């Protein structure tokens, strides 16, 4: 594993990087998946085609560790206007201290995707 703190996505088990780890691959999970501590990962509902995507619903998995940020880039999903900079950006911040975890959602910047 690379240096850093890692979390097994499937079972939440924590690992310290910079060394070799051995893990059992459970059935029906498609292999091991590790998330680096401090990560913010976005998920959307599965869609059969692009227009079926509900852009208003997003799920975030947050793995707090000190301070981290994640910027979500959105385009209209229909045109190539993103090539001209027509995108919206939403920045998420997570700050973990010994006493609390603070999660901030900044106002969108850039083009409106509504």
N, C-alpha and C. Protein backbone atom coordinates (compact mmCIF):
# COMPACT_ATOMS: atom_id res chain seq x y z
N UNK A 1 0.85 -1.18 0.00
CA UNK A 1 0.00 0.00 0.00
C UNK A 1 0.89 1.24 0.00
N UNK A 2 0.49 2.26 -0.74
CA UNK A 2 1.22 3.53 -0.66
C UNK A 2 1.12 4.11 0.75
N UNK A 3 2.01 5.04 1.09
CA UNK A 3 1.97 5.66 2.40
C UNK A 3 0.65 6.37 2.62
N UNK A 4 0.24 6.48 3.86
CA UNK A 4 -1.01 7.14 4.22
C UNK A 4 -1.92 6.18 4.96
N UNK A 5 -3.10 6.66 5.28
CA UNK A 5 -4.10 5.84 5.95
C UNK A 5 -5.14 5.41 4.92
N UNK A 6 -5.51 4.14 4.96
CA UNK A 6 -6.41 3.56 3.97
C UNK A 6 -7.55 2.84 4.66
N UNK A 7 -8.74 2.90 4.05
CA UNK A 7 -9.92 2.26 4.58
C UNK A 7 -10.43 1.27 3.55
N UNK A 8 -10.69 0.04 3.99
CA UNK A 8 -11.29 -0.95 3.11
C UNK A 8 -12.73 -0.52 2.87
N UNK A 9 -13.06 -0.22 1.63
CA UNK A 9 -14.39 0.29 1.29
C UNK A 9 -15.49 -0.67 1.70
N UNK A 10 -15.25 -1.95 1.58
CA UNK A 10 -16.30 -2.94 1.80
C UNK A 10 -16.59 -3.20 3.28
N UNK A 11 -15.58 -3.14 4.14
CA UNK A 11 -15.84 -3.49 5.54
C UNK A 11 -15.39 -2.43 6.55
N UNK A 12 -14.82 -1.31 6.07
CA UNK A 12 -14.43 -0.23 6.97
C UNK A 12 -13.13 -0.46 7.72
N UNK A 13 -12.48 -1.57 7.50
CA UNK A 13 -11.22 -1.89 8.18
C UNK A 13 -10.15 -0.87 7.79
N UNK A 14 -9.40 -0.39 8.80
CA UNK A 14 -8.39 0.63 8.55
C UNK A 14 -7.00 0.01 8.45
N UNK A 15 -6.18 0.57 7.55
CA UNK A 15 -4.81 0.09 7.33
C UNK A 15 -3.87 1.28 7.24
N UNK A 16 -2.66 1.09 7.74
CA UNK A 16 -1.60 2.10 7.57
C UNK A 16 -0.78 1.68 6.38
N UNK A 17 -0.56 2.62 5.47
CA UNK A 17 0.18 2.32 4.24
C UNK A 17 1.67 2.28 4.47
N UNK A 18 2.38 2.16 3.36
CA UNK A 18 3.83 2.06 3.41
C UNK A 18 4.31 0.65 3.67
N UNK A 19 3.42 -0.31 3.51
CA UNK A 19 3.78 -1.71 3.72
C UNK A 19 2.84 -2.60 2.91
N UNK A 20 3.16 -3.86 2.88
CA UNK A 20 2.32 -4.84 2.19
C UNK A 20 1.26 -5.33 3.16
N UNK A 21 0.03 -5.40 2.69
CA UNK A 21 -1.03 -5.96 3.52
C UNK A 21 -1.63 -7.16 2.79
N UNK A 22 -2.16 -8.05 3.55
CA UNK A 22 -2.81 -9.22 2.99
C UNK A 22 -4.26 -9.21 3.43
N UNK A 23 -5.16 -9.38 2.49
CA UNK A 23 -6.59 -9.39 2.83
C UNK A 23 -7.28 -10.49 2.06
N UNK A 24 -8.34 -10.94 2.67
CA UNK A 24 -9.18 -11.95 2.04
C UNK A 24 -10.16 -11.26 1.09
N UNK A 25 -10.30 -11.80 -0.11
CA UNK A 25 -11.27 -11.25 -1.07
C UNK A 25 -12.58 -11.99 -0.86
N UNK A 26 -13.57 -11.25 -0.38
CA UNK A 26 -14.89 -11.83 -0.14
C UNK A 26 -15.59 -12.10 -1.47
N UNK A 27 -16.53 -13.02 -1.43
CA UNK A 27 -17.30 -13.33 -2.63
C UNK A 27 -18.21 -12.16 -3.00
N UNK A 28 -18.45 -12.01 -4.27
CA UNK A 28 -19.42 -11.06 -4.82
C UNK A 28 -19.10 -9.58 -4.57
N UNK A 29 -17.83 -9.23 -4.39
CA UNK A 29 -17.50 -7.81 -4.25
C UNK A 29 -16.60 -7.31 -5.37
N UNK A 30 -16.13 -8.19 -6.22
CA UNK A 30 -15.33 -7.77 -7.37
C UNK A 30 -13.90 -7.39 -7.05
N UNK A 31 -13.39 -7.74 -5.89
CA UNK A 31 -12.01 -7.44 -5.54
C UNK A 31 -11.91 -6.39 -4.46
N UNK A 32 -10.69 -6.13 -4.03
CA UNK A 32 -10.47 -5.17 -2.95
C UNK A 32 -10.56 -3.74 -3.48
N UNK A 33 -11.05 -2.86 -2.63
CA UNK A 33 -11.15 -1.45 -2.95
C UNK A 33 -10.81 -0.67 -1.68
N UNK A 34 -9.77 0.16 -1.76
CA UNK A 34 -9.33 0.94 -0.61
C UNK A 34 -9.49 2.42 -0.91
N UNK A 35 -9.91 3.17 0.08
CA UNK A 35 -10.10 4.60 -0.03
C UNK A 35 -9.09 5.28 0.88
N UNK A 36 -8.40 6.28 0.37
CA UNK A 36 -7.40 6.98 1.16
C UNK A 36 -8.09 7.87 2.20
N UNK A 37 -7.56 7.85 3.41
CA UNK A 37 -8.08 8.71 4.46
C UNK A 37 -8.10 10.16 4.01
N UNK A 38 -9.18 10.87 4.29
CA UNK A 38 -9.34 12.25 3.85
C UNK A 38 -10.13 12.38 2.56
N UNK A 39 -10.46 11.26 1.93
CA UNK A 39 -11.17 11.31 0.65
C UNK A 39 -12.63 11.71 0.83
N UNK A 40 -13.15 12.37 -0.20
CA UNK A 40 -14.57 12.66 -0.33
C UNK A 40 -14.96 12.10 -1.70
N UNK A 41 -15.84 11.11 -1.71
CA UNK A 41 -16.19 10.41 -2.95
C UNK A 41 -17.67 10.64 -3.26
N UNK A 42 -17.95 11.04 -4.51
CA UNK A 42 -19.35 11.30 -4.90
C UNK A 42 -19.92 10.11 -5.67
N UNK A 43 -21.21 9.89 -5.46
CA UNK A 43 -21.95 8.83 -6.14
C UNK A 43 -23.26 9.39 -6.67
N UNK A 44 -23.63 8.94 -7.84
CA UNK A 44 -24.94 9.25 -8.40
C UNK A 44 -25.69 7.95 -8.58
N UNK A 45 -27.01 8.04 -8.63
CA UNK A 45 -27.82 6.84 -8.87
C UNK A 45 -27.49 6.29 -10.26
N UNK A 46 -27.49 4.96 -10.41
CA UNK A 46 -27.24 4.39 -11.74
C UNK A 46 -28.31 4.85 -12.73
N UNK A 47 -27.92 5.01 -13.99
CA UNK A 47 -28.85 5.43 -15.03
C UNK A 47 -28.60 4.61 -16.28
N UNK A 48 -29.67 4.31 -17.01
CA UNK A 48 -29.55 3.55 -18.25
C UNK A 48 -29.04 4.41 -19.40
N UNK A 49 -29.29 5.71 -19.32
CA UNK A 49 -28.83 6.64 -20.35
C UNK A 49 -28.68 8.01 -19.70
N UNK A 50 -27.98 8.91 -20.34
CA UNK A 50 -27.58 10.19 -19.74
C UNK A 50 -28.78 11.03 -19.30
N UNK A 51 -29.85 11.09 -20.07
CA UNK A 51 -30.99 11.91 -19.70
C UNK A 51 -31.78 11.34 -18.52
N UNK A 52 -31.55 10.08 -18.19
CA UNK A 52 -32.25 9.48 -17.05
C UNK A 52 -31.59 9.87 -15.74
N UNK A 53 -30.43 10.48 -15.80
CA UNK A 53 -29.66 10.84 -14.61
C UNK A 53 -30.34 11.96 -13.84
N UNK A 54 -30.57 11.74 -12.56
CA UNK A 54 -31.15 12.75 -11.67
C UNK A 54 -30.01 13.58 -11.11
N UNK A 55 -29.67 14.67 -11.77
CA UNK A 55 -28.53 15.50 -11.36
C UNK A 55 -28.75 16.16 -10.02
N UNK A 56 -29.99 16.16 -9.52
CA UNK A 56 -30.26 16.79 -8.23
C UNK A 56 -29.94 15.92 -7.04
N UNK A 57 -29.63 14.66 -7.26
CA UNK A 57 -29.35 13.75 -6.16
C UNK A 57 -27.92 13.27 -6.22
N UNK A 58 -27.18 13.54 -5.17
CA UNK A 58 -25.79 13.10 -5.07
C UNK A 58 -25.58 12.54 -3.66
N UNK A 59 -24.82 11.48 -3.58
CA UNK A 59 -24.45 10.91 -2.29
C UNK A 59 -22.95 11.06 -2.13
N UNK A 60 -22.52 11.52 -0.97
CA UNK A 60 -21.10 11.68 -0.68
C UNK A 60 -20.69 10.71 0.42
N UNK A 61 -19.61 10.00 0.19
CA UNK A 61 -18.98 9.20 1.23
C UNK A 61 -17.75 9.97 1.67
N UNK A 62 -17.67 10.27 2.96
CA UNK A 62 -16.60 11.10 3.50
C UNK A 62 -15.77 10.27 4.46
N UNK A 63 -14.45 10.34 4.29
CA UNK A 63 -13.50 9.60 5.12
C UNK A 63 -12.60 10.64 5.82
N UNK A 64 -13.12 11.25 6.91
CA UNK A 64 -12.45 12.39 7.53
C UNK A 64 -11.02 12.09 8.00
N UNK A 65 -10.14 13.05 7.71
CA UNK A 65 -8.76 13.00 8.19
C UNK A 65 -8.15 14.38 8.00
N UNK A 66 -7.93 15.08 9.08
CA UNK A 66 -7.40 16.43 9.06
C UNK A 66 -8.27 17.31 8.17
N UNK A 67 -7.70 17.94 7.12
CA UNK A 67 -8.49 18.79 6.23
C UNK A 67 -8.40 18.27 4.81
N UNK A 68 -9.57 18.16 4.16
CA UNK A 68 -9.58 17.73 2.77
C UNK A 68 -10.66 18.49 2.01
N UNK A 69 -10.49 18.57 0.69
CA UNK A 69 -11.47 19.22 -0.16
C UNK A 69 -11.74 18.36 -1.39
N UNK A 70 -12.91 18.58 -1.95
CA UNK A 70 -13.30 17.89 -3.17
C UNK A 70 -14.13 18.87 -3.99
N UNK A 71 -13.84 19.00 -5.26
CA UNK A 71 -14.61 19.88 -6.13
C UNK A 71 -15.37 19.04 -7.15
N UNK A 72 -16.68 19.20 -7.15
CA UNK A 72 -17.55 18.51 -8.09
C UNK A 72 -17.76 19.43 -9.29
N UNK A 73 -17.46 18.93 -10.48
CA UNK A 73 -17.65 19.69 -11.72
C UNK A 73 -18.90 19.15 -12.40
N UNK A 74 -19.79 20.06 -12.79
CA UNK A 74 -21.02 19.65 -13.48
C UNK A 74 -21.14 20.41 -14.79
N UNK A 75 -21.61 19.70 -15.81
CA UNK A 75 -21.96 20.37 -17.06
C UNK A 75 -23.42 20.07 -17.35
N UNK A 76 -23.94 20.55 -18.46
CA UNK A 76 -25.36 20.35 -18.73
C UNK A 76 -25.68 18.93 -19.19
N UNK A 77 -24.68 18.13 -19.48
CA UNK A 77 -24.91 16.74 -19.86
C UNK A 77 -25.45 16.55 -21.27
N UNK A 78 -25.57 17.62 -22.02
CA UNK A 78 -26.18 17.53 -23.35
C UNK A 78 -25.32 18.12 -24.46
N UNK A 79 -24.54 19.13 -24.14
CA UNK A 79 -23.78 19.83 -25.17
C UNK A 79 -22.28 19.74 -24.87
N UNK A 80 -21.50 20.35 -25.74
CA UNK A 80 -20.06 20.43 -25.53
C UNK A 80 -19.66 21.79 -24.95
N UNK A 81 -20.62 22.49 -24.34
CA UNK A 81 -20.34 23.81 -23.78
C UNK A 81 -19.30 23.77 -22.67
N UNK A 82 -19.08 22.62 -22.06
CA UNK A 82 -18.04 22.51 -21.03
C UNK A 82 -16.67 22.83 -21.63
N UNK A 83 -16.50 22.61 -22.93
CA UNK A 83 -15.23 22.94 -23.58
C UNK A 83 -14.99 24.45 -23.60
N UNK A 84 -16.07 25.23 -23.43
CA UNK A 84 -15.96 26.69 -23.39
C UNK A 84 -16.01 27.19 -21.94
N UNK A 85 -15.90 26.27 -21.01
CA UNK A 85 -15.89 26.67 -19.60
C UNK A 85 -17.26 26.76 -18.96
N UNK A 86 -18.29 26.32 -19.67
CA UNK A 86 -19.65 26.37 -19.12
C UNK A 86 -19.85 25.20 -18.16
N UNK A 87 -19.34 25.36 -16.96
CA UNK A 87 -19.46 24.33 -15.93
C UNK A 87 -19.79 25.02 -14.61
N UNK A 88 -20.34 24.23 -13.73
CA UNK A 88 -20.56 24.68 -12.35
C UNK A 88 -19.62 23.87 -11.47
N UNK A 89 -19.08 24.52 -10.45
CA UNK A 89 -18.19 23.84 -9.52
C UNK A 89 -18.74 24.00 -8.11
N UNK A 90 -18.83 22.89 -7.40
CA UNK A 90 -19.22 22.92 -5.99
C UNK A 90 -18.07 22.31 -5.20
N UNK A 91 -17.54 23.07 -4.25
CA UNK A 91 -16.43 22.59 -3.45
C UNK A 91 -16.93 22.18 -2.07
N UNK A 92 -16.53 20.98 -1.67
CA UNK A 92 -16.86 20.43 -0.36
C UNK A 92 -15.58 20.42 0.47
N UNK A 93 -15.69 20.73 1.75
CA UNK A 93 -14.53 20.71 2.63
C UNK A 93 -14.88 19.90 3.88
N UNK A 94 -13.92 19.12 4.33
CA UNK A 94 -14.08 18.36 5.57
C UNK A 94 -12.88 18.68 6.46
N UNK A 95 -13.18 19.10 7.70
CA UNK A 95 -12.12 19.44 8.65
C UNK A 95 -12.35 18.61 9.91
N UNK A 96 -11.38 17.75 10.21
CA UNK A 96 -11.48 16.90 11.40
C UNK A 96 -10.49 17.39 12.45
N UNK A 97 -11.00 17.66 13.64
CA UNK A 97 -10.17 18.01 14.78
C UNK A 97 -10.43 16.96 15.85
N UNK A 98 -9.65 16.94 16.92
CA UNK A 98 -9.90 15.95 17.97
C UNK A 98 -11.30 16.03 18.57
N UNK A 99 -11.95 17.19 18.49
CA UNK A 99 -13.26 17.35 19.13
C UNK A 99 -14.46 17.30 18.19
N UNK A 100 -14.24 17.49 16.88
CA UNK A 100 -15.39 17.51 15.98
C UNK A 100 -14.98 17.30 14.53
N UNK A 101 -15.99 17.05 13.73
CA UNK A 101 -15.82 16.98 12.28
C UNK A 101 -16.75 18.02 11.68
N UNK A 102 -16.19 18.92 10.88
CA UNK A 102 -16.95 19.97 10.24
C UNK A 102 -16.98 19.69 8.74
N UNK A 103 -18.19 19.72 8.16
CA UNK A 103 -18.33 19.48 6.73
C UNK A 103 -18.99 20.70 6.11
N UNK A 104 -18.32 21.32 5.14
CA UNK A 104 -18.81 22.54 4.52
C UNK A 104 -19.15 22.30 3.05
N UNK A 105 -20.28 22.84 2.62
CA UNK A 105 -20.67 22.80 1.21
C UNK A 105 -20.68 24.24 0.75
N UNK A 106 -19.77 24.58 -0.13
CA UNK A 106 -19.69 25.95 -0.64
C UNK A 106 -20.73 26.19 -1.71
N UNK A 107 -21.12 27.44 -1.88
CA UNK A 107 -22.06 27.78 -2.93
C UNK A 107 -21.48 27.45 -4.29
N UNK A 108 -22.31 27.04 -5.25
CA UNK A 108 -21.80 26.74 -6.59
C UNK A 108 -21.16 27.97 -7.23
N UNK A 109 -20.12 27.74 -7.99
CA UNK A 109 -19.47 28.80 -8.76
C UNK A 109 -19.53 28.43 -10.23
N UNK A 110 -19.66 29.42 -11.09
CA UNK A 110 -19.67 29.16 -12.52
C UNK A 110 -21.09 29.12 -13.07
N UNK A 111 -21.25 28.45 -14.20
CA UNK A 111 -22.53 28.41 -14.92
C UNK A 111 -23.58 27.65 -14.12
N UNK A 112 -24.80 28.10 -14.24
CA UNK A 112 -25.92 27.41 -13.59
C UNK A 112 -26.35 26.23 -14.45
N UNK A 113 -26.54 25.07 -13.81
CA UNK A 113 -26.94 23.87 -14.56
C UNK A 113 -28.43 23.58 -14.40
N UNK A 114 -29.17 24.53 -13.85
CA UNK A 114 -30.61 24.34 -13.62
C UNK A 114 -31.37 24.51 -14.90
